[in-house]
N, C-alpha and C. Protein backbone atom coordinates (compact mmCIF):
# COMPACT_ATOMS: atom_id res chain seq x y z
N MET A 1 0.68 -1.37 0.07
CA MET A 1 0.14 -0.02 0.18
C MET A 1 0.85 1.34 -0.01
N ALA A 2 1.91 1.10 0.79
CA ALA A 2 2.71 2.56 1.00
C ALA A 2 3.60 2.56 -0.59
N ALA A 3 4.02 1.36 -1.04
CA ALA A 3 4.65 1.45 -2.31
C ALA A 3 3.75 2.08 -3.31
N ASP A 4 2.29 1.87 -3.33
CA ASP A 4 1.30 2.70 -4.35
C ASP A 4 1.83 4.17 -4.16
N ILE A 5 1.76 4.63 -3.16
CA ILE A 5 1.86 6.13 -2.67
C ILE A 5 3.04 6.68 -3.27
N VAL A 6 4.34 5.96 -3.18
CA VAL A 6 5.55 6.38 -3.76
C VAL A 6 5.43 6.45 -5.14
N LEU A 7 4.76 5.38 -6.03
CA LEU A 7 4.97 5.58 -7.40
C LEU A 7 4.11 6.54 -8.04
N THR A 8 3.21 7.27 -7.41
CA THR A 8 2.21 8.20 -7.98
C THR A 8 2.90 9.49 -7.56
N CYS A 9 3.83 9.51 -6.50
CA CYS A 9 4.81 10.85 -6.36
C CYS A 9 5.39 11.22 -7.51
N LEU A 10 5.71 10.53 -8.68
CA LEU A 10 6.61 10.88 -9.50
C LEU A 10 5.64 11.57 -10.98
N SER A 11 4.36 11.66 -10.57
CA SER A 11 3.52 12.12 -11.86
C SER A 11 4.28 13.90 -11.88
N SER A 12 3.96 14.52 -12.92
CA SER A 12 4.36 15.71 -13.11
C SER A 12 2.94 16.58 -12.54
N VAL A 13 3.33 17.56 -11.69
CA VAL A 13 2.43 18.46 -10.75
C VAL A 13 3.25 19.87 -10.56
N PRO A 14 2.51 20.83 -10.42
CA PRO A 14 3.11 22.03 -10.23
C PRO A 14 4.34 21.93 -9.24
N LYS A 15 5.28 22.94 -9.42
CA LYS A 15 6.31 22.76 -8.55
C LYS A 15 6.20 24.10 -7.24
N VAL A 16 6.55 23.80 -6.55
CA VAL A 16 6.69 24.97 -5.31
C VAL A 16 8.08 25.00 -4.58
N ASN A 17 8.78 26.07 -4.27
CA ASN A 17 9.90 25.96 -3.55
C ASN A 17 9.93 25.32 -2.18
N ASP A 18 10.78 24.54 -2.19
CA ASP A 18 11.30 23.90 -0.80
C ASP A 18 12.48 23.84 -0.41
N ASN A 19 12.71 24.85 0.38
CA ASN A 19 14.34 25.21 0.51
C ASN A 19 15.03 24.18 1.39
N ARG A 20 14.16 23.28 2.35
CA ARG A 20 14.91 22.52 3.10
C ARG A 20 15.59 21.45 2.21
N ARG A 21 15.10 21.09 1.18
CA ARG A 21 15.84 20.01 0.18
C ARG A 21 16.68 20.85 -0.77
N GLY A 22 16.79 22.07 -0.73
CA GLY A 22 17.64 22.85 -1.62
C GLY A 22 17.30 22.69 -3.19
N GLY A 23 16.13 22.36 -3.52
CA GLY A 23 15.62 22.51 -4.65
C GLY A 23 14.03 22.36 -4.79
N LEU A 24 13.54 21.94 -5.90
CA LEU A 24 11.97 22.21 -5.95
C LEU A 24 11.30 20.98 -5.90
N ALA A 25 10.27 20.82 -5.16
CA ALA A 25 9.60 19.61 -4.93
C ALA A 25 7.98 20.11 -5.10
N SER A 26 7.10 19.20 -5.39
CA SER A 26 5.70 19.51 -5.50
C SER A 26 5.14 19.39 -4.52
N THR A 27 4.09 20.26 -4.12
CA THR A 27 3.33 20.13 -3.26
C THR A 27 2.54 18.98 -2.92
N GLU A 28 2.03 18.15 -3.78
CA GLU A 28 1.65 17.02 -3.78
C GLU A 28 2.66 15.75 -3.63
N THR A 29 3.57 16.07 -3.98
CA THR A 29 4.79 15.02 -3.59
C THR A 29 5.13 15.05 -2.22
N MET A 30 5.36 16.37 -1.61
CA MET A 30 5.62 16.32 -0.23
C MET A 30 4.40 15.77 0.75
N ALA A 31 3.25 15.98 0.47
CA ALA A 31 2.04 15.61 0.95
C ALA A 31 1.94 13.95 0.99
N ARG A 32 2.19 13.51 -0.21
CA ARG A 32 2.15 11.91 -0.25
C ARG A 32 3.19 11.26 0.47
N ILE A 33 4.54 11.91 0.41
CA ILE A 33 5.54 11.54 1.38
C ILE A 33 5.33 11.62 2.57
N LYS A 34 4.79 12.47 3.26
CA LYS A 34 4.34 12.93 4.65
C LYS A 34 3.10 11.46 5.02
N LYS A 35 2.23 11.42 4.18
CA LYS A 35 1.04 10.42 4.35
C LYS A 35 1.75 9.13 4.39
N MET A 36 2.65 8.53 3.67
CA MET A 36 3.43 7.43 3.51
C MET A 36 4.08 7.24 4.86
N ASN A 37 4.79 8.19 5.44
CA ASN A 37 5.56 8.18 6.54
C ASN A 37 4.31 7.69 7.74
N ARG A 38 3.35 8.59 7.82
CA ARG A 38 2.09 8.30 8.68
C ARG A 38 1.71 6.66 8.69
N LEU A 39 1.53 6.26 7.43
CA LEU A 39 1.04 5.07 7.10
C LEU A 39 2.32 4.05 7.55
N GLY A 40 3.43 4.50 7.47
CA GLY A 40 4.30 3.37 7.83
C GLY A 40 4.66 3.37 9.32
N LYS A 41 4.34 4.33 9.86
CA LYS A 41 4.08 4.28 11.36
C LYS A 41 3.19 3.44 11.89
N GLN A 42 1.98 3.40 11.33
CA GLN A 42 0.88 2.77 11.82
C GLN A 42 0.76 1.39 11.33
N HIS A 43 1.30 0.99 10.09
CA HIS A 43 0.91 -0.10 9.27
C HIS A 43 2.54 -0.65 8.68
N GLN A 44 2.69 -1.98 9.01
CA GLN A 44 3.83 -2.37 8.31
C GLN A 44 5.13 -1.59 8.18
N PRO A 45 5.84 -1.30 9.22
CA PRO A 45 7.05 -0.59 9.16
C PRO A 45 8.24 -1.04 8.47
N GLY A 46 8.18 -2.37 8.36
CA GLY A 46 9.13 -3.16 7.82
C GLY A 46 9.11 -3.02 6.42
N SER A 47 7.71 -2.88 5.59
CA SER A 47 7.76 -2.78 4.37
C SER A 47 8.18 -1.47 3.73
N VAL A 48 7.74 -0.45 4.56
CA VAL A 48 8.17 0.91 4.17
C VAL A 48 9.72 0.97 4.44
N ALA A 49 10.28 0.51 5.22
CA ALA A 49 11.89 0.47 5.36
C ALA A 49 12.56 -0.19 4.16
N LEU A 50 11.82 -1.26 3.75
CA LEU A 50 12.57 -1.94 2.49
C LEU A 50 12.41 -1.00 1.23
N ASN A 51 11.31 -0.21 1.31
CA ASN A 51 11.42 0.61 0.04
C ASN A 51 12.03 2.17 0.24
N LEU A 52 12.45 2.29 1.29
CA LEU A 52 13.01 3.67 1.77
C LEU A 52 14.28 4.17 0.59
N VAL A 53 15.27 3.10 0.08
CA VAL A 53 16.29 3.55 -0.72
C VAL A 53 15.70 3.92 -1.94
N ASN A 54 14.66 3.21 -2.42
CA ASN A 54 14.03 3.19 -3.90
C ASN A 54 13.41 4.53 -3.63
N LEU A 55 12.65 4.90 -2.60
CA LEU A 55 12.07 6.22 -2.34
C LEU A 55 12.89 7.53 -2.59
N VAL A 56 14.02 7.40 -1.73
CA VAL A 56 14.94 8.58 -1.80
C VAL A 56 15.66 8.59 -2.96
N ASN A 57 15.88 7.45 -3.87
CA ASN A 57 15.95 7.60 -5.23
C ASN A 57 14.87 8.21 -6.29
N SER A 58 13.90 7.84 -5.83
CA SER A 58 12.68 8.53 -6.57
C SER A 58 12.27 10.02 -6.28
N VAL A 59 12.60 10.12 -5.00
CA VAL A 59 12.07 11.53 -4.58
C VAL A 59 13.09 12.76 -5.29
N GLN A 60 14.41 12.15 -5.51
CA GLN A 60 15.43 13.16 -6.14
C GLN A 60 15.02 13.50 -7.48
N TYR A 61 14.20 12.50 -8.12
CA TYR A 61 13.73 12.81 -9.41
C TYR A 61 12.44 13.83 -9.58
N CYS A 62 12.26 14.21 -8.21
CA CYS A 62 10.82 15.03 -8.09
C CYS A 62 11.31 16.49 -8.10
N PHE A 63 12.69 16.51 -8.08
CA PHE A 63 13.39 18.08 -8.03
C PHE A 63 13.86 18.26 -9.14
N SER A 64 13.80 19.74 -9.51
CA SER A 64 14.19 20.32 -10.83
C SER A 64 15.68 20.09 -10.93
N MET A 65 16.31 19.56 -12.10
CA MET A 65 17.60 19.66 -12.36
C MET A 65 18.42 21.21 -12.47
N SER A 66 19.53 21.00 -12.09
CA SER A 66 20.19 22.44 -12.35
C SER A 66 21.18 22.46 -13.18
N PRO A 67 21.40 23.53 -14.24
CA PRO A 67 22.69 23.04 -14.97
C PRO A 67 23.78 23.34 -14.52
N ASP A 68 23.80 24.00 -13.32
CA ASP A 68 25.17 24.02 -12.39
C ASP A 68 25.63 22.43 -11.83
N LEU A 69 24.67 21.57 -11.86
CA LEU A 69 24.95 20.11 -11.52
C LEU A 69 25.52 19.50 -12.74
N PHE A 70 25.04 19.60 -13.91
CA PHE A 70 25.70 19.11 -14.80
C PHE A 70 26.94 19.80 -15.15
N ARG A 71 27.14 21.13 -15.18
CA ARG A 71 28.66 21.52 -15.39
C ARG A 71 29.52 20.98 -14.45
N GLU A 72 29.14 20.89 -13.02
CA GLU A 72 29.95 20.30 -11.97
C GLU A 72 30.69 18.92 -12.05
N ILE A 73 29.73 18.12 -12.78
CA ILE A 73 29.94 16.70 -12.82
C ILE A 73 30.99 16.34 -14.29
N ILE A 74 30.56 17.40 -15.16
CA ILE A 74 31.28 17.09 -16.59
C ILE A 74 32.80 17.77 -16.21
N ALA A 75 32.79 18.98 -15.35
CA ALA A 75 34.16 19.44 -14.95
C ALA A 75 34.90 18.40 -14.13
N THR A 76 34.42 17.56 -13.23
CA THR A 76 35.02 16.73 -12.55
C THR A 76 35.63 15.61 -13.33
N TYR A 77 34.59 15.09 -14.29
CA TYR A 77 35.03 14.00 -15.17
C TYR A 77 36.32 14.42 -16.05
N GLN A 78 36.11 15.90 -16.62
CA GLN A 78 37.16 16.15 -17.46
C GLN A 78 38.67 16.37 -16.87
N ARG A 79 38.59 16.78 -15.46
CA ARG A 79 39.98 16.98 -14.69
C ARG A 79 40.38 15.81 -14.55
N HIS A 80 39.73 14.59 -14.63
CA HIS A 80 40.31 13.25 -14.65
C HIS A 80 40.64 12.54 -16.11
N GLY A 81 40.65 13.21 -17.11
CA GLY A 81 40.80 12.91 -18.28
C GLY A 81 39.78 12.08 -19.12
N TRP A 82 38.35 12.36 -18.54
CA TRP A 82 37.28 11.64 -19.21
C TRP A 82 36.67 12.77 -20.29
N GLU A 83 36.10 12.30 -21.30
CA GLU A 83 35.43 12.96 -22.57
C GLU A 83 34.07 12.82 -22.47
N LEU A 84 33.19 13.77 -22.36
CA LEU A 84 31.70 13.63 -22.50
C LEU A 84 31.29 13.07 -23.83
N ARG A 85 30.78 12.05 -24.15
CA ARG A 85 30.56 11.60 -25.32
C ARG A 85 28.91 11.46 -25.79
N ARG A 86 28.15 11.21 -24.45
CA ARG A 86 26.64 11.44 -24.81
C ARG A 86 26.03 11.66 -23.65
N ALA A 87 24.78 12.46 -23.79
CA ALA A 87 23.86 12.88 -22.78
C ALA A 87 22.58 12.12 -22.85
N LEU A 88 22.08 11.50 -21.94
CA LEU A 88 20.68 11.04 -21.65
C LEU A 88 20.09 12.04 -21.00
N LEU A 89 18.92 12.58 -21.69
CA LEU A 89 18.09 13.61 -21.11
C LEU A 89 16.89 13.32 -20.83
N GLN A 90 15.89 13.52 -19.84
CA GLN A 90 14.46 13.40 -19.86
C GLN A 90 13.93 14.69 -20.55
N PRO A 91 12.83 14.50 -21.50
CA PRO A 91 12.10 15.44 -22.08
C PRO A 91 12.05 17.02 -21.44
N ALA A 92 11.80 16.85 -20.14
CA ALA A 92 11.59 18.09 -19.43
C ALA A 92 12.82 18.89 -19.20
N THR A 93 14.00 18.05 -19.12
CA THR A 93 15.22 18.53 -18.97
C THR A 93 15.65 19.15 -20.17
N ARG A 94 15.57 18.44 -21.31
CA ARG A 94 16.03 19.05 -22.65
C ARG A 94 15.19 20.33 -22.86
N ALA A 95 13.78 20.51 -22.49
CA ALA A 95 12.82 21.59 -22.76
C ALA A 95 13.40 22.70 -21.95
N GLU A 96 13.77 22.44 -20.58
CA GLU A 96 14.24 23.50 -19.74
C GLU A 96 15.84 23.99 -19.94
N PHE A 97 16.62 23.11 -20.65
CA PHE A 97 17.80 23.58 -20.99
C PHE A 97 18.10 24.14 -22.38
N LYS A 98 17.06 23.94 -23.40
CA LYS A 98 17.04 24.07 -24.87
C LYS A 98 17.85 25.32 -25.03
N GLU A 99 17.98 26.32 -24.13
CA GLU A 99 18.86 27.47 -24.73
C GLU A 99 20.39 27.07 -24.57
N ILE A 100 20.63 26.43 -23.71
CA ILE A 100 22.08 26.36 -23.44
C ILE A 100 22.69 24.61 -23.52
N LEU A 101 21.85 23.97 -24.53
CA LEU A 101 22.16 22.68 -24.83
C LEU A 101 23.57 22.68 -25.57
N ALA A 102 23.56 23.36 -26.56
CA ALA A 102 24.95 23.30 -27.38
C ALA A 102 26.27 23.65 -26.54
N GLN A 103 26.00 24.89 -25.77
CA GLN A 103 27.15 25.16 -24.66
C GLN A 103 27.51 23.99 -23.73
N LEU A 104 26.54 23.57 -23.15
CA LEU A 104 26.34 22.27 -21.91
C LEU A 104 27.17 20.95 -22.53
N PHE A 105 26.64 20.52 -23.73
CA PHE A 105 26.85 19.37 -23.79
C PHE A 105 27.65 19.42 -25.25
N SER A 106 28.10 20.45 -25.64
CA SER A 106 29.14 20.83 -27.06
C SER A 106 29.05 19.48 -27.98
N GLN A 107 29.93 18.81 -28.17
CA GLN A 107 29.90 17.54 -29.09
C GLN A 107 29.23 16.10 -28.81
N ALA A 108 28.76 16.18 -27.42
CA ALA A 108 27.97 14.89 -27.04
C ALA A 108 26.99 14.61 -27.86
N LYS A 109 26.78 13.23 -28.09
CA LYS A 109 25.44 13.13 -28.77
C LYS A 109 24.35 12.95 -27.78
N LEU A 110 23.07 13.60 -28.13
CA LEU A 110 21.91 13.93 -27.09
C LEU A 110 21.02 12.85 -27.39
N SER A 111 20.28 12.15 -26.23
CA SER A 111 19.47 11.18 -26.63
C SER A 111 18.43 11.40 -25.54
N ASP A 112 17.25 10.98 -25.72
CA ASP A 112 15.76 11.09 -24.89
C ASP A 112 16.13 9.86 -24.14
N SER A 113 15.85 10.09 -22.69
CA SER A 113 15.66 9.08 -21.73
C SER A 113 14.37 9.35 -20.55
N GLU A 114 14.29 8.29 -19.73
CA GLU A 114 13.52 8.61 -18.54
C GLU A 114 14.13 9.26 -17.54
N PHE A 115 15.49 9.35 -17.49
CA PHE A 115 16.47 9.85 -16.24
C PHE A 115 17.64 10.67 -17.22
N ASP A 116 18.05 11.29 -16.15
CA ASP A 116 19.16 12.20 -16.85
C ASP A 116 20.62 11.53 -16.51
N ALA A 117 21.37 11.25 -17.24
CA ALA A 117 22.74 10.68 -17.17
C ALA A 117 23.52 11.05 -18.26
N LEU A 118 25.01 11.00 -18.03
CA LEU A 118 25.93 11.40 -18.97
C LEU A 118 26.90 10.08 -19.32
N TRP A 119 27.36 10.10 -20.45
CA TRP A 119 28.42 8.94 -20.69
C TRP A 119 29.71 9.71 -21.06
N PHE A 120 30.55 9.15 -20.23
CA PHE A 120 31.87 9.41 -20.29
C PHE A 120 33.00 8.44 -20.91
N ALA A 121 33.87 8.80 -21.55
CA ALA A 121 34.85 7.64 -22.13
C ALA A 121 36.09 8.21 -21.87
N ARG A 122 37.22 7.28 -21.83
CA ARG A 122 38.49 7.65 -21.80
C ARG A 122 39.65 6.51 -22.15
N PRO A 123 40.84 6.68 -22.62
CA PRO A 123 41.41 5.58 -22.83
C PRO A 123 41.91 4.66 -21.54
N SER A 124 41.96 3.49 -21.71
CA SER A 124 42.39 2.76 -20.41
C SER A 124 43.70 1.89 -20.84
N HIS A 125 44.17 1.10 -19.88
CA HIS A 125 45.33 0.41 -19.93
C HIS A 125 44.96 -0.64 -21.08
N ALA A 126 46.34 -1.13 -21.69
CA ALA A 126 46.46 -2.36 -22.58
C ALA A 126 45.23 -2.03 -23.81
N GLY A 127 45.18 -0.70 -24.11
CA GLY A 127 44.59 -0.25 -25.53
C GLY A 127 43.27 -0.49 -25.39
N ARG A 128 42.58 -0.65 -24.12
CA ARG A 128 41.18 -0.51 -23.80
C ARG A 128 40.56 0.80 -23.74
N GLU A 129 39.02 0.82 -23.61
CA GLU A 129 38.36 2.12 -23.73
C GLU A 129 37.62 1.92 -22.57
N ALA A 130 37.57 2.88 -21.73
CA ALA A 130 36.55 2.85 -20.51
C ALA A 130 35.86 3.62 -20.69
N TRP A 131 34.47 3.31 -20.43
CA TRP A 131 32.99 4.01 -20.40
C TRP A 131 32.47 3.87 -19.18
N GLU A 132 31.83 5.35 -18.77
CA GLU A 132 30.97 5.28 -17.33
C GLU A 132 29.73 6.07 -17.53
N LEU A 133 28.66 5.60 -17.09
CA LEU A 133 27.56 6.10 -17.13
C LEU A 133 27.35 6.62 -15.84
N ARG A 134 27.23 8.07 -15.69
CA ARG A 134 27.03 8.91 -14.55
C ARG A 134 25.67 9.50 -14.26
N LEU A 135 24.80 9.01 -13.16
CA LEU A 135 23.59 9.51 -13.02
C LEU A 135 23.64 10.94 -12.75
N VAL A 136 22.92 12.17 -13.19
CA VAL A 136 22.97 13.33 -12.80
C VAL A 136 21.86 13.40 -11.68
N ALA A 137 22.59 13.45 -10.26
CA ALA A 137 21.82 13.32 -9.09
C ALA A 137 22.87 13.91 -8.08
N GLU A 138 22.57 14.58 -7.05
CA GLU A 138 23.40 14.96 -5.85
C GLU A 138 24.25 13.76 -5.43
N GLN A 139 23.45 12.87 -5.21
CA GLN A 139 23.97 11.37 -4.90
C GLN A 139 24.79 10.96 -5.93
N ARG A 140 25.87 10.49 -5.79
CA ARG A 140 26.83 10.14 -6.75
C ARG A 140 26.33 8.52 -7.07
N TYR A 141 26.14 8.20 -8.27
CA TYR A 141 26.00 6.87 -8.73
C TYR A 141 26.32 6.61 -10.11
N ALA A 142 27.10 5.74 -10.35
CA ALA A 142 27.51 5.66 -11.80
C ALA A 142 27.70 4.14 -12.08
N LEU A 143 27.84 3.51 -13.22
CA LEU A 143 28.32 2.25 -13.81
C LEU A 143 29.43 2.53 -14.74
N PHE A 144 30.45 1.43 -14.65
CA PHE A 144 31.54 1.51 -15.29
C PHE A 144 31.79 0.11 -16.33
N GLU A 145 32.38 0.24 -17.51
CA GLU A 145 32.51 -0.88 -18.49
C GLU A 145 33.94 -0.43 -19.13
N ALA A 146 34.87 -1.49 -19.47
CA ALA A 146 35.83 -1.30 -19.94
C ALA A 146 36.02 -2.26 -21.33
N PHE A 147 36.01 -1.59 -22.47
CA PHE A 147 36.02 -2.27 -23.62
C PHE A 147 37.38 -2.50 -24.44
N GLU A 148 37.57 -3.89 -24.93
CA GLU A 148 38.79 -4.23 -25.56
C GLU A 148 38.66 -3.57 -26.88
N ALA A 149 39.97 -3.40 -27.32
CA ALA A 149 40.52 -2.54 -28.22
C ALA A 149 39.54 -3.25 -29.74
N ASP A 150 39.49 -4.43 -29.60
CA ASP A 150 38.85 -5.04 -30.72
C ASP A 150 37.52 -5.35 -30.70
N GLU A 151 36.90 -5.02 -29.70
CA GLU A 151 35.44 -4.97 -29.86
C GLU A 151 34.81 -4.19 -30.81
N THR A 152 33.74 -4.83 -31.41
CA THR A 152 32.89 -3.95 -32.72
C THR A 152 31.90 -3.01 -31.75
N GLU A 153 31.87 -2.00 -32.28
CA GLU A 153 30.81 -0.94 -32.10
C GLU A 153 29.56 -1.42 -31.70
N GLU A 154 28.90 -2.43 -32.36
CA GLU A 154 27.72 -3.11 -32.30
C GLU A 154 27.77 -3.86 -30.72
N ASP A 155 29.10 -4.52 -30.31
CA ASP A 155 29.18 -5.30 -29.14
C ASP A 155 29.03 -4.11 -27.93
N ARG A 156 29.73 -2.93 -28.29
CA ARG A 156 29.84 -1.99 -27.28
C ARG A 156 28.34 -1.38 -27.03
N ASP A 157 27.73 -1.06 -28.14
CA ASP A 157 26.34 -0.36 -28.05
C ASP A 157 25.50 -1.02 -27.19
N GLU A 158 25.70 -2.69 -27.25
CA GLU A 158 24.81 -3.60 -26.63
C GLU A 158 25.01 -3.60 -25.18
N ALA A 159 26.23 -3.55 -24.79
CA ALA A 159 26.68 -3.32 -23.30
C ALA A 159 26.33 -2.11 -22.87
N ARG A 160 26.56 -1.03 -23.43
CA ARG A 160 25.97 0.34 -22.93
C ARG A 160 24.46 0.31 -22.85
N LEU A 161 23.84 -0.26 -23.62
CA LEU A 161 22.28 -0.33 -23.39
C LEU A 161 21.90 -1.22 -22.28
N GLU A 162 22.81 -2.18 -22.07
CA GLU A 162 22.57 -3.14 -20.72
C GLU A 162 22.68 -2.19 -19.45
N MET A 163 24.00 -1.40 -19.36
CA MET A 163 24.15 -0.60 -18.40
C MET A 163 23.08 0.50 -18.36
N GLU A 164 22.40 1.01 -19.27
CA GLU A 164 21.25 2.09 -19.10
C GLU A 164 20.14 1.34 -18.44
N ASN A 165 20.06 -0.03 -18.99
CA ASN A 165 18.92 -0.78 -18.33
C ASN A 165 19.26 -1.05 -16.83
N LYS A 166 20.37 -1.06 -16.29
CA LYS A 166 20.65 -1.51 -15.22
C LYS A 166 20.41 -0.20 -14.37
N MET A 167 20.74 0.99 -14.90
CA MET A 167 20.27 2.31 -14.06
C MET A 167 18.99 2.56 -14.07
N ARG A 168 18.15 2.21 -15.05
CA ARG A 168 16.77 2.14 -15.07
C ARG A 168 16.09 1.17 -13.70
N GLU A 169 16.62 0.13 -13.72
CA GLU A 169 16.44 -0.62 -12.56
C GLU A 169 16.73 -0.05 -11.15
N TYR A 170 17.91 0.69 -11.31
CA TYR A 170 18.23 1.10 -9.77
C TYR A 170 17.30 2.39 -9.40
N LEU A 171 16.94 3.04 -10.81
CA LEU A 171 15.81 4.13 -10.32
C LEU A 171 14.72 3.72 -10.11
N ALA A 172 14.24 2.61 -10.57
CA ALA A 172 12.53 1.99 -10.40
C ALA A 172 12.24 1.76 -8.91
N PRO A 173 11.27 2.20 -8.43
CA PRO A 173 10.65 1.79 -7.09
C PRO A 173 10.50 0.43 -7.26
N ALA A 174 10.53 -0.25 -5.88
CA ALA A 174 10.15 -1.68 -5.77
C ALA A 174 8.82 -1.93 -6.08
N GLN A 175 8.65 -2.95 -6.81
CA GLN A 175 7.42 -3.73 -7.06
C GLN A 175 6.92 -4.70 -5.96
N GLY A 176 5.73 -4.39 -5.48
CA GLY A 176 5.21 -5.29 -4.61
C GLY A 176 5.53 -4.99 -3.28
């Protein structure tokens, strides 16, 4: 029952300023989270606790993305020799950043996605190429893969798609 409340918090609703979280949260989202907390205290606190990590991850996506967060992540990776190759953007993020897309993502390939994430690549040891998929969120989360020099681009695309699916699973609220 509590999981149903969490799932509905992710719908698009009007935003209001919530300075306690340092971002934007919907009034409906905050009310549903508070209601879930009350339900958790009265009924099945164990099931609510199991969904806490997924709730935190989901709630982060109820907040507006900042171009500064993207810039900070990109700058950090570039300092360590990574090159931004692709950007996975939610339609709302793409619309919000439409005037600065070219500047922010320069030569990166842009793709629509259910989440915001950045693909970085750099040379690795023994002729390999390292790729990292970094979720755009305050809480750091990334997936890493190193490709052999002789791997085909088709095999690499398949591995990158698998990593994107793992990211989706990480962000998806628990079912049941």
